[in-house]
Amino acid sequence: MQIEICPTSLADKRTIWNLFQFYCYDTSIEDGYDVEADGFFSLSADYFAQYWDKPRWSAHLVRANGAIAGFVLIEPSDVLPHAQEIGDLFILKRWRRQGIAEHVAKQFLARRTETWAITVFNEWRDARSFWTKMFSHPALSVDQQLADPDGRDTTVFVLEPNMAA
């Protein structure tokens, strides 16, 4: 299978926005998301725009064999200054359990020139299982675990740089 991680431009913003609706649906039980009167999940347009407007923020489409399979959102960590974070990693159900999310995570995290933080909600069994598996890879070993500074029931996994900048 050919997997591509494609940086996006403003032309792709609507596509990511639409895919984010599926992400909200998938996580609505854990997040408590409700739809608005128009049937869509409410998203902050200003917050969402940061992925195209601010340095260190980026949105990427994930493609499998040319088809859109999901997205990954990268942003500065709100837990650790100067760290990057995979804010959201979403793969459509049709493409799950085929190694795509693992490929994406490795692309961003295996060769690190800066600190990365991965925040995982403790009650999200699938996410915890996925990240536990990922952190078993030698290149993705966790340097420390932190409690969430905002008091959320999460664990923050910190991966320090493993190569020179």
Protein backbone atom coordinates (compact mmCIF):
# COMPACT_ATOMS: atom_id res chain seq x y z
CA MET A 1 0.00 0.00 0.00
CA GLN A 2 1.26 3.48 -0.84
CA ILE A 3 0.81 5.92 2.06
CA GLU A 4 1.34 9.65 1.58
CA ILE A 5 1.35 12.44 4.14
CA CYS A 6 0.50 15.56 2.18
CA PRO A 7 0.98 19.08 3.55
CA THR A 8 -2.14 21.12 2.88
CA SER A 9 -2.79 24.58 1.53
CA LEU A 10 -5.78 26.84 2.05
CA ALA A 11 -7.41 25.00 -0.87
CA ASP A 12 -7.53 21.87 1.34
CA LYS A 13 -8.96 23.61 4.41
CA ARG A 14 -12.58 22.64 3.64
CA THR A 15 -11.54 19.01 3.13
CA ILE A 16 -9.84 18.86 6.55
CA TRP A 17 -12.83 20.69 8.10
CA ASN A 18 -15.22 18.11 6.61
CA LEU A 19 -13.07 15.18 7.75
CA PHE A 20 -12.96 16.72 11.22
CA GLN A 21 -16.73 16.18 11.41
CA PHE A 22 -16.09 12.42 11.17
CA TYR A 23 -13.40 12.71 13.84
CA CYS A 24 -15.87 14.52 16.15
CA TYR A 25 -18.45 11.81 15.49
CA ASP A 26 -15.93 9.05 16.30
CA THR A 27 -14.89 10.73 19.56
CA SER A 28 -18.27 12.15 20.57
CA ILE A 29 -18.77 9.62 23.36
CA GLU A 30 -15.44 10.39 24.97
CA ASP A 31 -15.48 14.13 24.25
CA GLY A 32 -19.19 14.70 24.88
CA TYR A 33 -19.56 16.46 21.53
CA ASP A 34 -23.10 17.34 20.47
CA VAL A 35 -24.22 18.52 17.06
CA GLU A 36 -25.63 21.98 16.54
CA ALA A 37 -29.09 22.74 15.14
CA ASP A 38 -27.71 22.41 11.59
CA GLY A 39 -26.61 18.82 12.28
CA PHE A 40 -22.89 19.61 12.30
CA PHE A 41 -20.44 19.50 15.16
CA SER A 42 -19.41 22.97 16.26
CA LEU A 43 -15.81 23.86 15.51
CA SER A 44 -14.06 27.14 16.20
CA ALA A 45 -13.16 28.60 12.82
CA ASP A 46 -10.56 30.87 14.45
CA TYR A 47 -8.86 27.97 16.22
CA PHE A 48 -9.01 25.81 13.11
CA ALA A 49 -7.47 28.57 10.94
CA GLN A 50 -4.26 28.42 13.00
CA TYR A 51 -3.21 25.27 11.13
CA TRP A 52 -2.70 27.43 8.04
CA ASP A 53 -1.96 30.83 9.61
CA LYS A 54 0.60 30.25 12.36
CA PRO A 55 4.15 28.97 12.43
CA ARG A 56 4.60 25.48 13.90
CA TRP A 57 0.95 24.65 13.12
CA SER A 58 0.19 22.40 10.14
CA ALA A 59 -2.51 20.18 8.70
CA HIS A 60 -1.75 17.17 6.53
CA LEU A 61 -3.99 14.92 4.49
CA VAL A 62 -3.21 11.23 4.72
CA ARG A 63 -3.69 9.29 1.51
CA ALA A 64 -3.68 5.54 0.96
CA ASN A 65 -3.28 4.38 -2.63
CA GLY A 66 -4.22 7.91 -3.69
CA ALA A 67 -7.50 8.02 -1.75
CA ILE A 68 -8.02 10.32 1.22
CA ALA A 69 -7.65 8.13 4.30
CA GLY A 70 -7.55 10.76 7.05
CA PHE A 71 -5.58 13.67 8.44
CA VAL A 72 -3.01 14.65 11.02
CA LEU A 73 -2.87 18.02 12.77
CA ILE A 74 0.44 19.25 14.19
CA GLU A 75 0.60 22.09 16.70
CA PRO A 76 2.75 23.51 19.49
CA SER A 77 2.25 21.63 22.74
CA ASP A 78 0.17 23.43 25.33
CA VAL A 79 1.87 21.31 28.01
CA LEU A 80 5.57 21.82 27.24
CA PRO A 81 7.05 25.04 25.89
CA HIS A 82 8.94 24.55 22.62
CA ALA A 83 7.54 21.04 22.08
CA GLN A 84 5.46 19.96 19.11
CA GLU A 85 2.39 17.79 19.42
CA ILE A 86 0.28 15.56 17.22
CA GLY A 87 -2.94 17.35 18.09
CA ASP A 88 -5.19 14.97 16.21
CA LEU A 89 -4.56 11.88 14.11
CA PHE A 90 -7.63 10.52 12.33
CA ILE A 91 -7.95 7.62 9.91
CA LEU A 92 -11.28 6.80 8.28
CA LYS A 93 -12.70 3.43 9.35
CA ARG A 94 -12.26 1.94 5.86
CA TRP A 95 -8.50 2.38 6.24
CA ARG A 96 -8.00 1.48 9.90
CA ARG A 97 -5.96 -1.47 11.15
CA GLN A 98 -3.78 -1.43 8.02
CA GLY A 99 -0.75 0.31 9.52
CA ILE A 100 -1.55 3.78 8.20
CA ALA A 101 -1.71 5.60 11.55
CA GLU A 102 1.47 3.79 12.64
CA HIS A 103 3.21 4.95 9.46
CA VAL A 104 2.09 8.54 10.04
CA ALA A 105 3.20 8.58 13.68
CA LYS A 106 6.60 7.16 12.76
CA GLN A 107 7.07 9.74 10.01
CA PHE A 108 6.65 12.57 12.49
CA LEU A 109 8.23 11.04 15.58
CA ALA A 110 10.96 8.56 14.66
CA ARG A 111 13.60 11.14 13.69
CA ARG A 112 13.12 13.99 16.16
CA THR A 113 15.18 17.17 16.20
CA GLU A 114 12.88 18.71 18.81
CA THR A 115 10.79 17.57 21.76
CA TRP A 116 7.38 16.09 21.01
CA ALA A 117 4.46 15.60 23.40
CA ILE A 118 1.63 13.15 22.85
CA THR A 119 -1.43 13.69 25.06
CA VAL A 120 -3.66 10.65 25.45
CA PHE A 121 -6.98 10.64 27.30
CA ASN A 122 -6.73 7.79 29.79
CA GLU A 123 -10.28 6.51 29.20
CA TRP A 124 -9.81 6.27 25.42
CA ARG A 125 -8.89 2.60 25.22
CA ASP A 126 -8.22 2.52 21.47
CA ALA A 127 -5.93 5.54 21.62
CA ARG A 128 -4.07 4.22 24.67
CA SER A 129 -3.63 0.84 22.99
CA PHE A 130 -2.37 2.46 19.78
CA TRP A 131 0.14 4.71 21.54
CA THR A 132 1.33 1.93 23.87
CA LYS A 133 2.12 -0.12 20.77
CA MET A 134 3.83 2.85 19.12
CA PHE A 135 5.99 3.59 22.15
CA SER A 136 7.27 0.01 22.13
CA HIS A 137 9.29 0.84 18.98
CA PRO A 138 12.88 1.72 19.93
CA ALA A 139 12.85 5.00 17.96
CA LEU A 140 9.69 6.08 19.77
CA SER A 141 10.63 5.33 23.35
CA VAL A 142 9.12 7.70 25.89
CA ASP A 143 11.51 9.84 27.94
CA GLN A 144 8.95 10.89 30.55
CA GLN A 145 5.25 10.84 31.39
CA LEU A 146 3.49 13.85 32.85
CA ALA A 147 0.06 14.51 34.29
CA ASP A 148 -2.02 17.03 32.40
CA PRO A 149 -1.43 20.51 33.85
CA ASP A 150 -5.11 21.40 33.23
CA GLY A 151 -6.28 18.53 35.44
CA ARG A 152 -7.80 16.51 32.59
CA ASP A 153 -7.65 12.71 32.91
CA THR A 154 -4.79 12.39 30.44
CA THR A 155 -1.22 11.25 30.28
CA VAL A 156 1.33 13.34 28.42
CA PHE A 157 4.10 11.27 26.87
CA VAL A 158 7.29 13.21 26.17
CA LEU A 159 9.76 12.19 23.48
CA GLU A 160 13.01 14.14 23.57
CA PRO A 161 15.07 14.77 20.40
CA ASN A 162 16.92 11.70 19.19
CA MET A 163 19.08 13.40 16.56
CA ALA A 164 20.85 16.72 16.06
CA ALA A 165 19.02 19.59 14.41
